[in-house]
N, C-alpha and C. Protein backbone atom coordinates (compact mmCIF):
# COMPACT_ATOMS: atom_id res chain seq x y z
N MET A 1 2.92 -35.14 -10.36
CA MET A 1 3.29 -34.28 -11.71
C MET A 1 4.22 -34.89 -12.73
N GLN A 2 4.51 -35.98 -12.78
CA GLN A 2 5.01 -36.78 -14.02
C GLN A 2 3.82 -36.95 -15.13
N ASN A 3 2.52 -36.50 -15.30
CA ASN A 3 1.99 -36.23 -15.98
C ASN A 3 2.33 -35.04 -16.94
N PRO A 4 2.12 -34.86 -18.09
CA PRO A 4 2.42 -33.79 -18.72
C PRO A 4 1.53 -32.87 -19.05
N LYS A 5 0.14 -33.27 -18.86
CA LYS A 5 -1.22 -32.49 -19.15
C LYS A 5 -1.24 -31.77 -17.91
N VAL A 6 -1.22 -32.73 -16.62
CA VAL A 6 -1.20 -31.87 -15.32
C VAL A 6 -0.28 -30.86 -15.26
N ARG A 7 1.02 -31.03 -15.54
CA ARG A 7 1.99 -29.95 -15.69
C ARG A 7 2.07 -28.72 -16.46
N LEU A 8 1.23 -29.04 -17.45
CA LEU A 8 0.85 -27.94 -18.01
C LEU A 8 -0.44 -26.91 -17.79
N ALA A 9 -1.04 -27.77 -17.14
CA ALA A 9 -2.76 -27.27 -16.67
C ALA A 9 -1.85 -26.43 -14.88
N ALA A 10 -1.14 -26.63 -14.32
CA ALA A 10 -0.79 -26.24 -13.16
C ALA A 10 0.28 -25.01 -13.85
N LYS A 11 0.99 -24.68 -14.71
CA LYS A 11 1.83 -23.90 -15.07
C LYS A 11 0.62 -22.73 -15.74
N LYS A 12 -0.25 -23.20 -16.06
CA LYS A 12 -1.30 -22.10 -17.10
C LYS A 12 -1.98 -21.50 -15.58
N ASN A 13 -2.29 -21.92 -14.81
CA ASN A 13 -2.77 -21.60 -13.26
C ASN A 13 -1.92 -20.65 -12.81
N ARG A 14 -0.86 -21.18 -12.76
CA ARG A 14 0.20 -20.15 -12.25
C ARG A 14 0.41 -18.80 -13.10
N GLU A 15 0.31 -19.10 -14.35
CA GLU A 15 0.40 -17.93 -15.21
C GLU A 15 -0.72 -16.66 -15.37
N VAL A 16 -2.06 -17.51 -15.20
CA VAL A 16 -3.58 -16.71 -14.66
C VAL A 16 -3.14 -16.10 -13.28
N ASP A 17 -2.81 -16.64 -12.50
CA ASP A 17 -2.68 -16.39 -11.33
C ASP A 17 -1.37 -15.21 -11.32
N GLU A 18 -0.13 -14.99 -11.52
CA GLU A 18 0.38 -13.84 -11.76
C GLU A 18 -0.09 -12.67 -12.61
N ASN A 19 -0.88 -12.89 -13.55
CA ASN A 19 -1.27 -11.95 -14.55
C ASN A 19 -2.39 -11.49 -13.52
N ASN A 20 -3.07 -11.87 -12.92
CA ASN A 20 -4.04 -11.09 -11.70
C ASN A 20 -3.88 -10.36 -11.13
N LEU A 21 -2.62 -11.09 -10.51
CA LEU A 21 -1.82 -10.09 -9.21
C LEU A 21 -1.37 -9.33 -9.66
N VAL A 22 -1.01 -8.89 -11.04
CA VAL A 22 -0.30 -7.82 -11.35
C VAL A 22 -1.34 -6.90 -11.83
N ASN A 23 -2.65 -7.49 -11.89
CA ASN A 23 -3.64 -6.47 -12.62
C ASN A 23 -4.12 -5.69 -11.51
N TYR A 24 -4.83 -6.95 -10.11
CA TYR A 24 -5.31 -6.28 -8.81
C TYR A 24 -3.71 -5.34 -8.23
N SER A 25 -2.81 -5.58 -8.27
CA SER A 25 -1.43 -4.28 -7.69
C SER A 25 -1.98 -3.02 -8.51
N ALA A 26 -2.15 -3.19 -9.92
CA ALA A 26 -2.35 -2.02 -10.58
C ALA A 26 -3.49 -1.11 -10.20
N TRP A 27 -4.66 -1.17 -9.60
CA TRP A 27 -5.86 -0.51 -9.55
C TRP A 27 -5.76 -0.63 -7.74
N MET A 28 -5.55 -1.49 -7.36
CA MET A 28 -5.60 -1.46 -5.85
C MET A 28 -5.47 -0.10 -4.96
N PRO A 29 -4.54 0.93 -5.61
CA PRO A 29 -4.51 2.02 -4.94
C PRO A 29 -5.73 2.77 -5.39
N ASP A 30 -6.63 2.85 -6.57
CA ASP A 30 -7.77 3.40 -6.49
C ASP A 30 -9.07 2.88 -6.01
N VAL A 31 -8.75 1.44 -5.43
CA VAL A 31 -9.97 1.11 -5.05
C VAL A 31 -9.81 1.00 -3.21
N VAL A 32 -8.89 1.28 -2.53
CA VAL A 32 -8.46 1.23 -1.03
C VAL A 32 -7.93 2.63 -0.68
N LEU A 33 -8.10 3.08 0.20
CA LEU A 33 -7.14 4.14 0.85
C LEU A 33 -6.60 3.74 1.90
N TYR A 34 -5.39 3.82 1.77
CA TYR A 34 -4.15 3.59 3.05
C TYR A 34 -4.07 5.00 3.52
N GLU A 35 -3.85 4.76 5.08
CA GLU A 35 -3.49 5.23 6.34
C GLU A 35 -2.64 4.75 7.24
N ASP A 36 -1.26 5.69 6.83
CA ASP A 36 0.05 5.12 7.49
C ASP A 36 -0.41 5.20 8.89
N GLN A 37 -0.02 4.35 9.76
CA GLN A 37 0.14 4.02 11.22
C GLN A 37 1.60 4.32 12.06
N GLY A 38 2.12 4.19 10.95
CA GLY A 38 3.72 4.07 11.70
C GLY A 38 4.10 2.58 11.92
N TYR A 39 4.65 2.36 12.72
CA TYR A 39 5.78 1.04 12.94
C TYR A 39 5.04 -0.13 14.18
N GLN A 40 4.80 -1.02 13.46
CA GLN A 40 4.57 -2.13 14.73
C GLN A 40 5.57 -3.13 14.29
N GLU A 41 6.22 -3.88 15.77
CA GLU A 41 7.17 -4.97 15.66
C GLU A 41 8.05 -4.70 14.46
N GLY A 42 8.87 -3.15 14.01
CA GLY A 42 9.51 -3.10 12.85
C GLY A 42 9.56 -3.26 11.56
N LEU A 43 7.80 -3.54 11.87
CA LEU A 43 6.86 -3.36 10.06
C LEU A 43 6.46 -1.96 10.06
N GLU A 44 6.40 -1.55 8.87
CA GLU A 44 5.14 -0.62 8.71
C GLU A 44 4.11 -1.08 8.46
N LYS A 45 2.97 -0.39 9.10
CA LYS A 45 1.78 -0.16 9.19
C LYS A 45 0.76 0.45 8.60
N LEU A 46 0.03 0.01 7.52
CA LEU A 46 -0.88 0.86 6.86
C LEU A 46 -2.28 0.31 7.14
N ALA A 47 -3.22 1.10 7.70
CA ALA A 47 -4.48 0.25 7.76
C ALA A 47 -5.28 1.12 6.22
N PHE A 48 -6.34 0.28 5.76
CA PHE A 48 -6.87 0.38 4.66
C PHE A 48 -8.11 0.31 4.97
N HIS A 49 -9.22 0.94 3.70
CA HIS A 49 -10.84 0.73 3.37
C HIS A 49 -10.90 1.54 2.50
N PRO A 50 -12.32 0.75 2.15
CA PRO A 50 -12.92 1.46 0.90
C PRO A 50 -12.82 2.89 0.19
N ASN A 51 -12.20 3.14 -0.76
CA ASN A 51 -11.98 4.59 -1.30
C ASN A 51 -13.71 4.98 -1.82
N PRO A 52 -14.43 6.02 -1.18
CA PRO A 52 -15.86 5.95 -1.32
C PRO A 52 -15.97 6.87 -2.89
N ALA A 53 -14.45 6.98 -3.58
CA ALA A 53 -15.31 7.66 -4.45
C ALA A 53 -14.85 6.68 -5.79
N PHE A 54 -14.69 5.51 -5.38
CA PHE A 54 -14.31 4.69 -6.62
C PHE A 54 -15.76 3.59 -7.04
N ALA A 55 -15.57 3.80 -8.14
CA ALA A 55 -17.00 2.81 -8.44
C ALA A 55 -16.99 1.45 -8.91
N PRO A 56 -16.65 0.16 -8.17
CA PRO A 56 -16.18 -1.26 -8.97
C PRO A 56 -16.90 -1.51 -10.21
N LYS A 57 -16.52 -1.90 -10.92
CA LYS A 57 -16.73 -2.25 -12.25
C LYS A 57 -16.85 -4.05 -12.37
N THR A 58 -16.22 -4.56 -11.75
CA THR A 58 -16.28 -6.33 -11.73
C THR A 58 -16.40 -6.24 -10.43
N TYR A 59 -16.61 -8.33 -10.56
CA TYR A 59 -16.56 -8.55 -9.37
C TYR A 59 -15.54 -8.87 -8.19
N GLU A 60 -14.24 -8.60 -8.90
CA GLU A 60 -12.75 -8.48 -8.31
C GLU A 60 -12.64 -7.21 -7.54
N GLU A 61 -13.18 -6.27 -8.56
CA GLU A 61 -13.04 -4.75 -8.08
C GLU A 61 -14.37 -4.32 -6.55
N THR A 62 -15.07 -5.34 -6.92
CA THR A 62 -16.22 -4.86 -5.78
C THR A 62 -16.00 -5.80 -4.69
N THR A 63 -15.41 -6.95 -4.61
CA THR A 63 -14.73 -7.47 -3.52
C THR A 63 -13.46 -6.82 -2.78
N LEU A 64 -13.14 -6.42 -3.44
CA LEU A 64 -11.78 -5.81 -2.79
C LEU A 64 -12.10 -4.17 -2.33
N HIS A 65 -12.99 -4.01 -3.00
CA HIS A 65 -13.60 -2.60 -2.61
C HIS A 65 -14.05 -2.41 -1.13
N ALA A 66 -15.06 -3.46 -0.95
CA ALA A 66 -15.56 -3.89 0.52
C ALA A 66 -14.68 -4.33 1.40
N MET A 67 -13.38 -4.36 1.01
CA MET A 67 -12.26 -5.21 2.29
C MET A 67 -11.74 -3.80 2.71
N SER A 68 -11.76 -3.81 4.42
CA SER A 68 -10.63 -3.05 5.38
C SER A 68 -9.87 -4.01 6.50
N GLY A 69 -8.95 -3.34 6.46
CA GLY A 69 -8.24 -3.93 7.83
C GLY A 69 -6.99 -3.20 7.89
N VAL A 70 -6.02 -4.15 8.60
CA VAL A 70 -4.33 -3.84 8.22
C VAL A 70 -3.18 -4.45 7.56
N VAL A 71 -2.68 -3.76 7.08
CA VAL A 71 -1.12 -4.91 6.74
C VAL A 71 -0.28 -4.11 7.11
N LEU A 72 0.84 -4.93 7.41
CA LEU A 72 2.26 -5.30 7.77
C LEU A 72 3.10 -5.27 6.95
N ILE A 73 4.37 -4.48 6.66
CA ILE A 73 5.06 -4.57 5.45
C ILE A 73 6.32 -4.70 6.00
N ASP A 74 6.99 -5.54 5.25
CA ASP A 74 8.38 -5.51 5.61
C ASP A 74 9.59 -4.88 4.69
N LEU A 75 9.52 -3.61 4.92
CA LEU A 75 10.62 -2.59 3.80
C LEU A 75 11.81 -3.54 3.50
N ASP A 76 12.54 -4.23 4.26
CA ASP A 76 13.57 -4.40 3.81
C ASP A 76 13.47 -5.94 2.92
N GLU A 77 12.24 -6.83 3.10
CA GLU A 77 12.07 -7.96 2.18
C GLU A 77 11.29 -7.57 1.21
N LYS A 78 10.80 -6.02 1.13
CA LYS A 78 9.75 -5.82 0.36
C LYS A 78 8.80 -6.45 -0.22
N ARG A 79 7.78 -6.78 0.89
CA ARG A 79 6.93 -8.09 0.96
C ARG A 79 6.13 -7.57 1.92
N ILE A 80 4.68 -8.43 1.91
CA ILE A 80 3.62 -8.19 3.00
C ILE A 80 4.10 -9.11 4.22
N ALA A 81 3.88 -8.97 5.48
CA ALA A 81 4.66 -9.77 6.56
C ALA A 81 3.43 -10.34 6.99
N ARG A 82 2.41 -9.25 7.33
CA ARG A 82 0.81 -9.74 7.67
C ARG A 82 -0.23 -8.81 7.23
N PHE A 83 -1.43 -9.74 7.04
CA PHE A 83 -2.87 -8.74 6.69
C PHE A 83 -3.44 -9.37 7.22
N SER A 84 -4.35 -8.48 8.08
CA SER A 84 -5.76 -8.90 8.44
C SER A 84 -6.71 -7.96 8.34
N GLY A 85 -8.11 -8.26 8.58
CA GLY A 85 -9.22 -7.65 8.65
C GLY A 85 -10.06 -7.45 9.82
N PRO A 86 -10.86 -7.01 9.77
CA PRO A 86 -11.64 -7.16 11.21
C PRO A 86 -12.34 -8.06 11.61
N SER A 87 -12.52 -8.42 12.92
CA SER A 87 -13.08 -10.13 12.87
C SER A 87 -14.47 -9.67 12.58
N ARG A 88 -15.08 -10.52 12.55
CA ARG A 88 -16.61 -10.73 12.83
C ARG A 88 -17.37 -11.70 14.22
N SER A 89 -18.02 -11.00 14.61
CA SER A 89 -18.85 -12.03 15.52
C SER A 89 -19.72 -12.51 15.12
N ARG A 90 -19.86 -13.72 15.38
CA ARG A 90 -21.53 -14.62 14.98
C ARG A 90 -22.74 -15.21 15.97
């Protein structure tokens, strides 16, 4: 990371990632539906699945719209503690 060009590229990548996260967070409530499933191990448990009323317009929206699974949220820390989707058998 001594190279200024490498540092600048890394900074730009972080900025792009942060902007994407803000954008995804803004439209995620429209893309998937959440179902409160109570608490698990002291964490808020939410199941999520595609919102049938949502029509994806971008590749990112299409990808996220196809997701389903469970998210565990640490309400005290205000962060996602665990995220899982259905496992696939091969």
